[in-house]
Amino acid sequence: MAVPKRKSSKARRDKRRSSTWKLDAPQLTRCQKCGEFKLAHHVCKFCGTYNGKAILEPAE
């Protein structure tokens, strides 16, 4: 069974437990056509456009 050779310091332990590995919130951008917030590189849910072109029917 693996056992640590030395005690890990509090600083090393806290660095490992810190929020450095947590994910960030997704970046939101404004739609070019309707101005609603949407995920970058995704079709707008409100007007159905992507890169200024109509891709889907608008959601009601």
Protein backbone atom coordinates (compact mmCIF):
# COMPACT_ATOMS: atom_id res chain seq x y z
CA MET A 1 0.00 0.00 0.00
CA ALA A 2 1.31 3.44 -0.93
CA VAL A 3 2.14 5.66 2.02
CA PRO A 4 3.52 9.23 1.80
CA LYS A 5 7.16 9.49 2.81
CA ARG A 6 6.69 12.97 4.33
CA LYS A 7 3.80 15.05 5.60
CA SER A 8 2.38 17.40 2.95
CA SER A 9 2.60 21.02 4.02
CA LYS A 10 -0.54 23.09 4.52
CA ALA A 11 0.42 25.32 1.59
CA ARG A 12 0.82 22.37 -0.78
CA ARG A 13 -2.44 20.82 0.43
CA ASP A 14 -4.35 24.10 0.08
CA LYS A 15 -2.95 24.74 -3.41
CA ARG A 16 -4.29 21.37 -4.48
CA ARG A 17 -7.70 22.09 -2.93
CA SER A 18 -7.93 25.64 -4.28
CA SER A 19 -10.30 26.75 -6.99
CA THR A 20 -7.63 26.67 -9.71
CA TRP A 21 -9.21 23.57 -11.27
CA LYS A 22 -12.81 24.77 -11.19
CA LEU A 23 -14.53 25.60 -14.48
CA ASP A 24 -15.40 29.15 -15.43
CA ALA A 25 -18.86 30.24 -16.43
CA PRO A 26 -19.52 29.96 -20.17
CA GLN A 27 -18.75 33.08 -22.18
CA LEU A 28 -21.88 34.76 -23.49
CA THR A 29 -21.98 37.03 -26.53
CA ARG A 30 -24.71 39.19 -28.05
CA CYS A 31 -26.57 37.93 -31.11
CA GLN A 32 -25.85 40.08 -34.18
CA LYS A 33 -29.48 40.09 -35.26
CA CYS A 34 -31.67 40.23 -32.12
CA GLY A 35 -29.17 41.30 -29.45
CA GLU A 36 -30.01 38.50 -26.99
CA PHE A 37 -27.24 36.72 -25.09
CA LYS A 38 -26.12 33.39 -26.57
CA LEU A 39 -23.23 30.97 -26.27
CA ALA A 40 -20.33 31.75 -28.58
CA HIS A 41 -20.21 29.61 -31.76
CA HIS A 42 -23.80 28.41 -31.25
CA VAL A 43 -27.08 29.10 -33.04
CA CYS A 44 -29.17 31.79 -31.33
CA LYS A 45 -32.15 30.19 -29.56
CA PHE A 46 -34.31 33.28 -29.96
CA CYS A 47 -34.00 34.13 -33.66
CA GLY A 48 -32.36 30.98 -35.09
CA THR A 49 -29.41 32.69 -36.76
CA TYR A 50 -25.73 31.80 -36.83
CA ASN A 51 -23.13 34.24 -38.12
CA GLY A 52 -25.88 36.48 -39.49
CA LYS A 53 -27.56 33.71 -41.52
CA ALA A 54 -30.94 32.08 -40.80
CA ILE A 55 -30.35 28.44 -39.80
CA LEU A 56 -33.42 27.43 -37.76
CA GLU A 57 -37.00 28.55 -37.45
CA PRO A 58 -37.34 31.05 -34.57
CA ALA A 59 -38.56 29.58 -31.29
CA GLU A 60 -41.97 30.80 -30.16
